[in-house]
């Protein structure tokens, strides 16, 4: 997941489903930008 808005339904749904299926979910360091708040949340939630 390169960069995703927290409310970007398709990207975030894919990320959550991948984590639920025990697939590795990888993301680069979250930028200080709203466009990466979804990625930042997933990193914060581990």
ModelCIF file with pLDDT and N, C-alpha, C, O atoms, coordinates in Angstrom:
data_MODEL
#
_entry.id   MODEL 
#
_entity.id                         1 
_entity.type                       polymer 
_entity.pdbx_number_of_molecules   1 
#
_entity_poly.entity_id                      1 
_entity_poly.type                           'polypeptide(L)' 
_entity_poly.nstd_linkage                   no 
_entity_poly.nstd_monomer                   no 
_entity_poly.pdbx_seq_one_letter_code       
;(UNK)(UNK)(UNK)(UNK)(UNK)(UNK)(UNK)(UNK)(UNK)(UNK)(UNK)(UNK)(UNK)(UNK)(UNK)(UNK)
(UNK)(UNK)(UNK)(UNK)(UNK)(UNK)(UNK)(UNK)(UNK)(UNK)(UNK)(UNK)(UNK)(UNK)(UNK)(UNK)
(UNK)(UNK)(UNK)(UNK)(UNK)(UNK)(UNK)(UNK)(UNK)(UNK)(UNK)(UNK)(UNK)(UNK)
;
_entity_poly.pdbx_seq_one_letter_code_can   XXXXXXXXXXXXXXXXXXXXXXXXXXXXXXXXXXXXXXXXXXXXXX 
_entity_poly.pdbx_strand_id                 A 
#
loop_
_entity_poly_seq.entity_id 
_entity_poly_seq.num 
_entity_poly_seq.mon_id 
_entity_poly_seq.hetero 
1 1  UNK n 
1 2  UNK n 
1 3  UNK n 
1 4  UNK n 
1 5  UNK n 
1 6  UNK n 
1 7  UNK n 
1 8  UNK n 
1 9  UNK n 
1 10 UNK n 
1 11 UNK n 
1 12 UNK n 
1 13 UNK n 
1 14 UNK n 
1 15 UNK n 
1 16 UNK n 
1 17 UNK n 
1 18 UNK n 
1 19 UNK n 
1 20 UNK n 
1 21 UNK n 
1 22 UNK n 
1 23 UNK n 
1 24 UNK n 
1 25 UNK n 
1 26 UNK n 
1 27 UNK n 
1 28 UNK n 
1 29 UNK n 
1 30 UNK n 
1 31 UNK n 
1 32 UNK n 
1 33 UNK n 
1 34 UNK n 
1 35 UNK n 
1 36 UNK n 
1 37 UNK n 
1 38 UNK n 
1 39 UNK n 
1 40 UNK n 
1 41 UNK n 
1 42 UNK n 
1 43 UNK n 
1 44 UNK n 
1 45 UNK n 
1 46 UNK n 
#
_struct_asym.id          A 
_struct_asym.entity_id   1 
#
loop_
_ma_qa_metric.id 
_ma_qa_metric.mode 
_ma_qa_metric.name 
_ma_qa_metric.software_group_id 
_ma_qa_metric.type 
1 global pLDDT . pLDDT 
2 local  pLDDT . pLDDT 
#
_ma_qa_metric_global.metric_id      1 
_ma_qa_metric_global.metric_value   80.80 
_ma_qa_metric_global.model_id       1 
_ma_qa_metric_global.ordinal_id     1 
#
loop_
_ma_qa_metric_local.label_asym_id 
_ma_qa_metric_local.label_comp_id 
_ma_qa_metric_local.label_seq_id 
_ma_qa_metric_local.metric_id 
_ma_qa_metric_local.metric_value 
_ma_qa_metric_local.model_id 
_ma_qa_metric_local.ordinal_id 
A UNK 1  2 85.00 1 1  
A UNK 2  2 81.00 1 2  
A UNK 3  2 75.00 1 3  
A UNK 4  2 73.00 1 4  
A UNK 5  2 71.00 1 5  
A UNK 6  2 69.00 1 6  
A UNK 7  2 70.00 1 7  
A UNK 8  2 69.00 1 8  
A UNK 9  2 72.00 1 9  
A UNK 10 2 76.00 1 10 
A UNK 11 2 81.00 1 11 
A UNK 12 2 83.00 1 12 
A UNK 13 2 84.00 1 13 
A UNK 14 2 87.00 1 14 
A UNK 15 2 87.00 1 15 
A UNK 16 2 85.00 1 16 
A UNK 17 2 88.00 1 17 
A UNK 18 2 89.00 1 18 
A UNK 19 2 86.00 1 19 
A UNK 20 2 88.00 1 20 
A UNK 21 2 90.00 1 21 
A UNK 22 2 90.00 1 22 
A UNK 23 2 90.00 1 23 
A UNK 24 2 90.00 1 24 
A UNK 25 2 90.00 1 25 
A UNK 26 2 91.00 1 26 
A UNK 27 2 88.00 1 27 
A UNK 28 2 85.00 1 28 
A UNK 29 2 80.00 1 29 
A UNK 30 2 70.00 1 30 
A UNK 31 2 69.00 1 31 
A UNK 32 2 72.00 1 32 
A UNK 33 2 66.00 1 33 
A UNK 34 2 66.00 1 34 
A UNK 35 2 68.00 1 35 
A UNK 36 2 73.00 1 36 
A UNK 37 2 78.00 1 37 
A UNK 38 2 80.00 1 38 
A UNK 39 2 82.00 1 39 
A UNK 40 2 82.00 1 40 
A UNK 41 2 83.00 1 41 
A UNK 42 2 85.00 1 42 
A UNK 43 2 86.00 1 43 
A UNK 44 2 87.00 1 44 
A UNK 45 2 88.00 1 45 
A UNK 46 2 89.00 1 46 
#
loop_
_atom_site.group_PDB 
_atom_site.id 
_atom_site.type_symbol 
_atom_site.label_atom_id 
_atom_site.label_alt_id 
_atom_site.label_comp_id 
_atom_site.label_asym_id 
_atom_site.label_entity_id 
_atom_site.label_seq_id 
_atom_site.pdbx_PDB_ins_code 
_atom_site.Cartn_x 
_atom_site.Cartn_y 
_atom_site.Cartn_z 
_atom_site.occupancy 
_atom_site.B_iso_or_equiv 
_atom_site.pdbx_formal_charge 
_atom_site.auth_seq_id 
_atom_site.auth_comp_id 
_atom_site.auth_asym_id 
_atom_site.auth_atom_id 
_atom_site.pdbx_PDB_model_num 
ATOM 1   N N  . UNK A 1 1  ? 0.867   -1.171  0.000  1.00 85.00 ? 1  UNK A N  1 
ATOM 2   C CA . UNK A 1 1  ? 0.000   0.000   0.000  1.00 85.00 ? 1  UNK A CA 1 
ATOM 3   C C  . UNK A 1 1  ? 0.905   1.222   0.000  1.00 85.00 ? 1  UNK A C  1 
ATOM 4   O O  . UNK A 1 1  ? 1.486   1.572   1.027  1.00 85.00 ? 1  UNK A O  1 
ATOM 5   N N  . UNK A 1 2  ? 1.021   1.866   -1.146 1.00 81.00 ? 2  UNK A N  1 
ATOM 6   C CA . UNK A 1 2  ? 1.946   2.988   -1.274 1.00 81.00 ? 2  UNK A CA 1 
ATOM 7   C C  . UNK A 1 2  ? 1.445   4.204   -0.521 1.00 81.00 ? 2  UNK A C  1 
ATOM 8   O O  . UNK A 1 2  ? 2.175   4.797   0.273  1.00 81.00 ? 2  UNK A O  1 
ATOM 9   N N  . UNK A 1 3  ? 0.226   4.566   -0.767 1.00 75.00 ? 3  UNK A N  1 
ATOM 10  C CA . UNK A 1 3  ? -0.344  5.751   -0.143 1.00 75.00 ? 3  UNK A CA 1 
ATOM 11  C C  . UNK A 1 3  ? -1.852  5.639   -0.274 1.00 75.00 ? 3  UNK A C  1 
ATOM 12  O O  . UNK A 1 3  ? -2.359  5.375   -1.365 1.00 75.00 ? 3  UNK A O  1 
ATOM 13  N N  . UNK A 1 4  ? -2.572  5.833   0.810  1.00 73.00 ? 4  UNK A N  1 
ATOM 14  C CA . UNK A 1 4  ? -4.023  5.717   0.725  1.00 73.00 ? 4  UNK A CA 1 
ATOM 15  C C  . UNK A 1 4  ? -4.698  6.627   1.728  1.00 73.00 ? 4  UNK A C  1 
ATOM 16  O O  . UNK A 1 4  ? -4.292  6.722   2.886  1.00 73.00 ? 4  UNK A O  1 
ATOM 17  N N  . UNK A 1 5  ? -5.725  7.286   1.263  1.00 71.00 ? 5  UNK A N  1 
ATOM 18  C CA . UNK A 1 5  ? -6.587  8.037   2.168  1.00 71.00 ? 5  UNK A CA 1 
ATOM 19  C C  . UNK A 1 5  ? -7.283  7.044   3.084  1.00 71.00 ? 5  UNK A C  1 
ATOM 20  O O  . UNK A 1 5  ? -7.592  5.925   2.675  1.00 71.00 ? 5  UNK A O  1 
ATOM 21  N N  . UNK A 1 6  ? -7.526  7.447   4.305  1.00 69.00 ? 6  UNK A N  1 
ATOM 22  C CA . UNK A 1 6  ? -8.179  6.550   5.246  1.00 69.00 ? 6  UNK A CA 1 
ATOM 23  C C  . UNK A 1 6  ? -9.582  6.175   4.774  1.00 69.00 ? 6  UNK A C  1 
ATOM 24  O O  . UNK A 1 6  ? -10.088 5.108   5.122  1.00 69.00 ? 6  UNK A O  1 
ATOM 25  N N  . UNK A 1 7  ? -10.199 7.028   3.999  1.00 70.00 ? 7  UNK A N  1 
ATOM 26  C CA . UNK A 1 7  ? -11.548 6.741   3.501  1.00 70.00 ? 7  UNK A CA 1 
ATOM 27  C C  . UNK A 1 7  ? -11.553 6.262   2.042  1.00 70.00 ? 7  UNK A C  1 
ATOM 28  O O  . UNK A 1 7  ? -12.609 6.219   1.411  1.00 70.00 ? 7  UNK A O  1 
ATOM 29  N N  . UNK A 1 8  ? -10.387 5.904   1.508  1.00 69.00 ? 8  UNK A N  1 
ATOM 30  C CA . UNK A 1 8  ? -10.308 5.358   0.144  1.00 69.00 ? 8  UNK A CA 1 
ATOM 31  C C  . UNK A 1 8  ? -10.784 3.912   0.209  1.00 69.00 ? 8  UNK A C  1 
ATOM 32  O O  . UNK A 1 8  ? -10.014 3.006   0.527  1.00 69.00 ? 8  UNK A O  1 
ATOM 33  N N  . UNK A 1 9  ? -12.041 3.712   -0.091 1.00 72.00 ? 9  UNK A N  1 
ATOM 34  C CA . UNK A 1 9  ? -12.680 2.417   0.167  1.00 72.00 ? 9  UNK A CA 1 
ATOM 35  C C  . UNK A 1 9  ? -11.961 1.237   -0.469 1.00 72.00 ? 9  UNK A C  1 
ATOM 36  O O  . UNK A 1 9  ? -11.674 0.259   0.221  1.00 72.00 ? 9  UNK A O  1 
ATOM 37  N N  . UNK A 1 10 ? -11.667 1.296   -1.746 1.00 76.00 ? 10 UNK A N  1 
ATOM 38  C CA . UNK A 1 10 ? -11.084 0.135   -2.426 1.00 76.00 ? 10 UNK A CA 1 
ATOM 39  C C  . UNK A 1 10 ? -9.690  -0.193  -1.886 1.00 76.00 ? 10 UNK A C  1 
ATOM 40  O O  . UNK A 1 10 ? -9.404  -1.350  -1.576 1.00 76.00 ? 10 UNK A O  1 
ATOM 41  N N  . UNK A 1 11 ? -8.839  0.795   -1.773 1.00 81.00 ? 11 UNK A N  1 
ATOM 42  C CA . UNK A 1 11 ? -7.470  0.549   -1.307 1.00 81.00 ? 11 UNK A CA 1 
ATOM 43  C C  . UNK A 1 11 ? -7.452  0.062   0.137  1.00 81.00 ? 11 UNK A C  1 
ATOM 44  O O  . UNK A 1 11 ? -6.765  -0.907  0.460  1.00 81.00 ? 11 UNK A O  1 
ATOM 45  N N  . UNK A 1 12 ? -8.192  0.721   0.988  1.00 83.00 ? 12 UNK A N  1 
ATOM 46  C CA . UNK A 1 12 ? -8.201  0.333   2.393  1.00 83.00 ? 12 UNK A CA 1 
ATOM 47  C C  . UNK A 1 12 ? -8.889  -1.012  2.601  1.00 83.00 ? 12 UNK A C  1 
ATOM 48  O O  . UNK A 1 12 ? -8.482  -1.789  3.465  1.00 83.00 ? 12 UNK A O  1 
ATOM 49  N N  . UNK A 1 13 ? -9.919  -1.292  1.821  1.00 84.00 ? 13 UNK A N  1 
ATOM 50  C CA . UNK A 1 13 ? -10.584 -2.593  1.936  1.00 84.00 ? 13 UNK A CA 1 
ATOM 51  C C  . UNK A 1 13 ? -9.620  -3.706  1.538  1.00 84.00 ? 13 UNK A C  1 
ATOM 52  O O  . UNK A 1 13 ? -9.552  -4.737  2.208  1.00 84.00 ? 13 UNK A O  1 
ATOM 53  N N  . UNK A 1 14 ? -8.882  -3.506  0.461  1.00 87.00 ? 14 UNK A N  1 
ATOM 54  C CA . UNK A 1 14 ? -7.885  -4.493  0.033  1.00 87.00 ? 14 UNK A CA 1 
ATOM 55  C C  . UNK A 1 14 ? -6.854  -4.701  1.135  1.00 87.00 ? 14 UNK A C  1 
ATOM 56  O O  . UNK A 1 14 ? -6.489  -5.838  1.434  1.00 87.00 ? 14 UNK A O  1 
ATOM 57  N N  . UNK A 1 15 ? -6.384  -3.616  1.742  1.00 87.00 ? 15 UNK A N  1 
ATOM 58  C CA . UNK A 1 15 ? -5.380  -3.707  2.793  1.00 87.00 ? 15 UNK A CA 1 
ATOM 59  C C  . UNK A 1 15 ? -5.911  -4.472  4.008  1.00 87.00 ? 15 UNK A C  1 
ATOM 60  O O  . UNK A 1 15 ? -5.225  -5.344  4.542  1.00 87.00 ? 15 UNK A O  1 
ATOM 61  N N  . UNK A 1 16 ? -7.101  -4.155  4.432  1.00 85.00 ? 16 UNK A N  1 
ATOM 62  C CA . UNK A 1 16 ? -7.679  -4.815  5.609  1.00 85.00 ? 16 UNK A CA 1 
ATOM 63  C C  . UNK A 1 16 ? -7.931  -6.297  5.327  1.00 85.00 ? 16 UNK A C  1 
ATOM 64  O O  . UNK A 1 16 ? -7.655  -7.148  6.173  1.00 85.00 ? 16 UNK A O  1 
ATOM 65  N N  . UNK A 1 17 ? -8.454  -6.603  4.143  1.00 88.00 ? 17 UNK A N  1 
ATOM 66  C CA . UNK A 1 17 ? -8.701  -8.005  3.784  1.00 88.00 ? 17 UNK A CA 1 
ATOM 67  C C  . UNK A 1 17 ? -7.379  -8.766  3.728  1.00 88.00 ? 17 UNK A C  1 
ATOM 68  O O  . UNK A 1 17 ? -7.301  -9.902  4.197  1.00 88.00 ? 17 UNK A O  1 
ATOM 69  N N  . UNK A 1 18 ? -6.349  -8.158  3.165  1.00 89.00 ? 18 UNK A N  1 
ATOM 70  C CA . UNK A 1 18 ? -5.040  -8.810  3.097  1.00 89.00 ? 18 UNK A CA 1 
ATOM 71  C C  . UNK A 1 18 ? -4.535  -9.124  4.501  1.00 89.00 ? 18 UNK A C  1 
ATOM 72  O O  . UNK A 1 18 ? -4.045  -10.225 4.755  1.00 89.00 ? 18 UNK A O  1 
ATOM 73  N N  . UNK A 1 19 ? -4.652  -8.170  5.405  1.00 86.00 ? 19 UNK A N  1 
ATOM 74  C CA . UNK A 1 19 ? -4.211  -8.405  6.785  1.00 86.00 ? 19 UNK A CA 1 
ATOM 75  C C  . UNK A 1 19 ? -5.050  -9.507  7.431  1.00 86.00 ? 19 UNK A C  1 
ATOM 76  O O  . UNK A 1 19 ? -4.517  -10.354 8.147  1.00 86.00 ? 19 UNK A O  1 
ATOM 77  N N  . UNK A 1 20 ? -6.348  -9.496  7.184  1.00 88.00 ? 20 UNK A N  1 
ATOM 78  C CA . UNK A 1 20 ? -7.222  -10.529 7.744  1.00 88.00 ? 20 UNK A CA 1 
ATOM 79  C C  . UNK A 1 20 ? -6.891  -11.918 7.197  1.00 88.00 ? 20 UNK A C  1 
ATOM 80  O O  . UNK A 1 20 ? -7.091  -12.922 7.880  1.00 88.00 ? 20 UNK A O  1 
ATOM 81  N N  . UNK A 1 21 ? -6.384  -11.971 5.964  1.00 90.00 ? 21 UNK A N  1 
ATOM 82  C CA . UNK A 1 21 ? -5.999  -13.245 5.353  1.00 90.00 ? 21 UNK A CA 1 
ATOM 83  C C  . UNK A 1 21 ? -4.547  -13.619 5.672  1.00 90.00 ? 21 UNK A C  1 
ATOM 84  O O  . UNK A 1 21 ? -4.008  -14.571 5.107  1.00 90.00 ? 21 UNK A O  1 
ATOM 85  N N  . UNK A 1 22 ? -3.931  -12.880 6.560  1.00 90.00 ? 22 UNK A N  1 
ATOM 86  C CA . UNK A 1 22 ? -2.534  -13.094 6.968  1.00 90.00 ? 22 UNK A CA 1 
ATOM 87  C C  . UNK A 1 22 ? -1.560  -12.906 5.816  1.00 90.00 ? 22 UNK A C  1 
ATOM 88  O O  . UNK A 1 22 ? -0.493  -13.519 5.791  1.00 90.00 ? 22 UNK A O  1 
ATOM 89  N N  . UNK A 1 23 ? -1.923  -12.068 4.874  1.00 90.00 ? 23 UNK A N  1 
ATOM 90  C CA . UNK A 1 23 ? -0.986  -11.682 3.821  1.00 90.00 ? 23 UNK A CA 1 
ATOM 91  C C  . UNK A 1 23 ? -0.173  -10.510 4.351  1.00 90.00 ? 23 UNK A C  1 
ATOM 92  O O  . UNK A 1 23 ? -0.725  -9.631  5.013  1.00 90.00 ? 23 UNK A O  1 
ATOM 93  N N  . UNK A 1 24 ? 1.120   -10.479 4.074  1.00 90.00 ? 24 UNK A N  1 
ATOM 94  C CA . UNK A 1 24 ? 1.894   -9.322  4.510  1.00 90.00 ? 24 UNK A CA 1 
ATOM 95  C C  . UNK A 1 24 ? 1.331   -8.044  3.873  1.00 90.00 ? 24 UNK A C  1 
ATOM 96  O O  . UNK A 1 24 ? 1.051   -7.996  2.675  1.00 90.00 ? 24 UNK A O  1 
ATOM 97  N N  . UNK A 1 25 ? 1.180   -7.035  4.693  1.00 90.00 ? 25 UNK A N  1 
ATOM 98  C CA . UNK A 1 25 ? 0.726   -5.719  4.231  1.00 90.00 ? 25 UNK A CA 1 
ATOM 99  C C  . UNK A 1 25 ? 1.886   -4.773  4.454  1.00 90.00 ? 25 UNK A C  1 
ATOM 100 O O  . UNK A 1 25 ? 2.244   -4.472  5.593  1.00 90.00 ? 25 UNK A O  1 
ATOM 101 N N  . UNK A 1 26 ? 2.467   -4.310  3.378  1.00 91.00 ? 26 UNK A N  1 
ATOM 102 C CA . UNK A 1 26 ? 3.664   -3.486  3.436  1.00 91.00 ? 26 UNK A CA 1 
ATOM 103 C C  . UNK A 1 26 ? 3.321   -2.061  3.030  1.00 91.00 ? 26 UNK A C  1 
ATOM 104 O O  . UNK A 1 26 ? 2.503   -1.836  2.138  1.00 91.00 ? 26 UNK A O  1 
ATOM 105 N N  . UNK A 1 27 ? 3.953   -1.106  3.693  1.00 88.00 ? 27 UNK A N  1 
ATOM 106 C CA . UNK A 1 27 ? 3.746   0.288   3.323  1.00 88.00 ? 27 UNK A CA 1 
ATOM 107 C C  . UNK A 1 27 ? 5.017   1.080   3.615  1.00 88.00 ? 27 UNK A C  1 
ATOM 108 O O  . UNK A 1 27 ? 5.705   0.813   4.600  1.00 88.00 ? 27 UNK A O  1 
ATOM 109 N N  . UNK A 1 28 ? 5.327   2.047   2.764  1.00 85.00 ? 28 UNK A N  1 
ATOM 110 C CA . UNK A 1 28 ? 6.487   2.889   3.039  1.00 85.00 ? 28 UNK A CA 1 
ATOM 111 C C  . UNK A 1 28 ? 6.171   3.830   4.201  1.00 85.00 ? 28 UNK A C  1 
ATOM 112 O O  . UNK A 1 28 ? 5.018   3.932   4.620  1.00 85.00 ? 28 UNK A O  1 
ATOM 113 N N  . UNK A 1 29 ? 7.182   4.511   4.717  1.00 80.00 ? 29 UNK A N  1 
ATOM 114 C CA . UNK A 1 29 ? 6.924   5.465   5.796  1.00 80.00 ? 29 UNK A CA 1 
ATOM 115 C C  . UNK A 1 29 ? 5.841   6.458   5.369  1.00 80.00 ? 29 UNK A C  1 
ATOM 116 O O  . UNK A 1 29 ? 5.866   6.980   4.254  1.00 80.00 ? 29 UNK A O  1 
ATOM 117 N N  . UNK A 1 30 ? 4.906   6.704   6.259  1.00 70.00 ? 30 UNK A N  1 
ATOM 118 C CA . UNK A 1 30 ? 3.800   7.610   5.944  1.00 70.00 ? 30 UNK A CA 1 
ATOM 119 C C  . UNK A 1 30 ? 4.307   9.042   5.863  1.00 70.00 ? 30 UNK A C  1 
ATOM 120 O O  . UNK A 1 30 ? 5.035   9.517   6.734  1.00 70.00 ? 30 UNK A O  1 
ATOM 121 N N  . UNK A 1 31 ? 3.907   9.706   4.808  1.00 69.00 ? 31 UNK A N  1 
ATOM 122 C CA . UNK A 1 31 ? 4.260   11.113  4.637  1.00 69.00 ? 31 UNK A CA 1 
ATOM 123 C C  . UNK A 1 31 ? 3.362   11.959  5.534  1.00 69.00 ? 31 UNK A C  1 
ATOM 124 O O  . UNK A 1 31 ? 2.284   11.516  5.932  1.00 69.00 ? 31 UNK A O  1 
ATOM 125 N N  . UNK A 1 32 ? 3.789   13.134  5.842  1.00 72.00 ? 32 UNK A N  1 
ATOM 126 C CA . UNK A 1 32 ? 2.958   14.060  6.616  1.00 72.00 ? 32 UNK A CA 1 
ATOM 127 C C  . UNK A 1 32 ? 1.966   14.711  5.663  1.00 72.00 ? 32 UNK A C  1 
ATOM 128 O O  . UNK A 1 32 ? 2.012   15.919  5.428  1.00 72.00 ? 32 UNK A O  1 
ATOM 129 N N  . UNK A 1 33 ? 1.089   13.914  5.129  1.00 66.00 ? 33 UNK A N  1 
ATOM 130 C CA . UNK A 1 33 ? 0.151   14.354  4.104  1.00 66.00 ? 33 UNK A CA 1 
ATOM 131 C C  . UNK A 1 33 ? -1.152  13.591  4.295  1.00 66.00 ? 33 UNK A C  1 
ATOM 132 O O  . UNK A 1 33 ? -1.130  12.406  4.627  1.00 66.00 ? 33 UNK A O  1 
ATOM 133 N N  . UNK A 1 34 ? -2.257  14.239  4.095  1.00 66.00 ? 34 UNK A N  1 
ATOM 134 C CA . UNK A 1 34 ? -3.550  13.582  4.268  1.00 66.00 ? 34 UNK A CA 1 
ATOM 135 C C  . UNK A 1 34 ? -3.709  12.404  3.316  1.00 66.00 ? 34 UNK A C  1 
ATOM 136 O O  . UNK A 1 34 ? -4.467  11.476  3.599  1.00 66.00 ? 34 UNK A O  1 
ATOM 137 N N  . UNK A 1 35 ? -3.000  12.433  2.186  1.00 68.00 ? 35 UNK A N  1 
ATOM 138 C CA . UNK A 1 35 ? -3.135  11.336  1.222  1.00 68.00 ? 35 UNK A CA 1 
ATOM 139 C C  . UNK A 1 35 ? -2.553  10.035  1.744  1.00 68.00 ? 35 UNK A C  1 
ATOM 140 O O  . UNK A 1 35 ? -2.751  8.986   1.130  1.00 68.00 ? 35 UNK A O  1 
ATOM 141 N N  . UNK A 1 36 ? -1.842  10.077  2.856  1.00 73.00 ? 36 UNK A N  1 
ATOM 142 C CA . UNK A 1 36 ? -1.248  8.865   3.421  1.00 73.00 ? 36 UNK A CA 1 
ATOM 143 C C  . UNK A 1 36 ? -1.818  8.536   4.794  1.00 73.00 ? 36 UNK A C  1 
ATOM 144 O O  . UNK A 1 36 ? -1.233  7.734   5.521  1.00 73.00 ? 36 UNK A O  1 
ATOM 145 N N  . UNK A 1 37 ? -2.950  9.139   5.169  1.00 78.00 ? 37 UNK A N  1 
ATOM 146 C CA . UNK A 1 37 ? -3.470  8.899   6.513  1.00 78.00 ? 37 UNK A CA 1 
ATOM 147 C C  . UNK A 1 37 ? -3.941  7.466   6.710  1.00 78.00 ? 37 UNK A C  1 
ATOM 148 O O  . UNK A 1 37 ? -3.895  6.961   7.832  1.00 78.00 ? 37 UNK A O  1 
ATOM 149 N N  . UNK A 1 38 ? -4.386  6.804   5.671  1.00 80.00 ? 38 UNK A N  1 
ATOM 150 C CA . UNK A 1 38 ? -4.769  5.400   5.781  1.00 80.00 ? 38 UNK A CA 1 
ATOM 151 C C  . UNK A 1 38 ? -3.560  4.519   6.044  1.00 80.00 ? 38 UNK A C  1 
ATOM 152 O O  . UNK A 1 38 ? -3.597  3.626   6.891  1.00 80.00 ? 38 UNK A O  1 
ATOM 153 N N  . UNK A 1 39 ? -2.501  4.779   5.316  1.00 82.00 ? 39 UNK A N  1 
ATOM 154 C CA . UNK A 1 39 ? -1.257  4.031   5.525  1.00 82.00 ? 39 UNK A CA 1 
ATOM 155 C C  . UNK A 1 39 ? -0.725  4.270   6.932  1.00 82.00 ? 39 UNK A C  1 
ATOM 156 O O  . UNK A 1 39 ? -0.285  3.337   7.603  1.00 82.00 ? 39 UNK A O  1 
ATOM 157 N N  . UNK A 1 40 ? -0.767  5.528   7.376  1.00 82.00 ? 40 UNK A N  1 
ATOM 158 C CA . UNK A 1 40 ? -0.279  5.867   8.711  1.00 82.00 ? 40 UNK A CA 1 
ATOM 159 C C  . UNK A 1 40 ? -1.105  5.148   9.787  1.00 82.00 ? 40 UNK A C  1 
ATOM 160 O O  . UNK A 1 40 ? -0.547  4.665   10.773 1.00 82.00 ? 40 UNK A O  1 
ATOM 161 N N  . UNK A 1 41 ? -2.420  5.076   9.605  1.00 83.00 ? 41 UNK A N  1 
ATOM 162 C CA . UNK A 1 41 ? -3.264  4.400   10.584 1.00 83.00 ? 41 UNK A CA 1 
ATOM 163 C C  . UNK A 1 41 ? -2.940  2.911   10.651 1.00 83.00 ? 41 UNK A C  1 
ATOM 164 O O  . UNK A 1 41 ? -2.851  2.342   11.739 1.00 83.00 ? 41 UNK A O  1 
ATOM 165 N N  . UNK A 1 42 ? -2.763  2.278   9.488  1.00 85.00 ? 42 UNK A N  1 
ATOM 166 C CA . UNK A 1 42 ? -2.441  0.850   9.471  1.00 85.00 ? 42 UNK A CA 1 
ATOM 167 C C  . UNK A 1 42 ? -1.094  0.572   10.114 1.00 85.00 ? 42 UNK A C  1 
ATOM 168 O O  . UNK A 1 42 ? -0.927  -0.449  10.780 1.00 85.00 ? 42 UNK A O  1 
ATOM 169 N N  . UNK A 1 43 ? -0.134  1.463   9.926  1.00 86.00 ? 43 UNK A N  1 
ATOM 170 C CA . UNK A 1 43 ? 1.152   1.319   10.603 1.00 86.00 ? 43 UNK A CA 1 
ATOM 171 C C  . UNK A 1 43 ? 0.983   1.492   12.113 1.00 86.00 ? 43 UNK A C  1 
ATOM 172 O O  . UNK A 1 43 ? 1.548   0.721   12.890 1.00 86.00 ? 43 UNK A O  1 
ATOM 173 N N  . UNK A 1 44 ? 0.220   2.485   12.527 1.00 87.00 ? 44 UNK A N  1 
ATOM 174 C CA . UNK A 1 44 ? 0.012   2.738   13.953 1.00 87.00 ? 44 UNK A CA 1 
ATOM 175 C C  . UNK A 1 44 ? -0.710  1.572   14.632 1.00 87.00 ? 44 UNK A C  1 
ATOM 176 O O  . UNK A 1 44 ? -0.420  1.248   15.784 1.00 87.00 ? 44 UNK A O  1 
ATOM 177 N N  . UNK A 1 45 ? -1.635  0.953   13.929 1.00 88.00 ? 45 UNK A N  1 
ATOM 178 C CA . UNK A 1 45 ? -2.376  -0.192  14.462 1.00 88.00 ? 45 UNK A CA 1 
ATOM 179 C C  . UNK A 1 45 ? -1.583  -1.496  14.346 1.00 88.00 ? 45 UNK A C  1 
ATOM 180 O O  . UNK A 1 45 ? -2.053  -2.553  14.767 1.00 88.00 ? 45 UNK A O  1 
ATOM 181 N N  . UNK A 1 46 ? -0.393  -1.417  13.779 1.00 89.00 ? 46 UNK A N  1 
ATOM 182 C CA . UNK A 1 46 ? 0.480   -2.564  13.547 1.00 89.00 ? 46 UNK A CA 1 
ATOM 183 C C  . UNK A 1 46 ? -0.174  -3.614  12.662 1.00 89.00 ? 46 UNK A C  1 
ATOM 184 O O  . UNK A 1 46 ? 0.436   -4.644  12.373 1.00 89.00 ? 46 UNK A O  1 
#
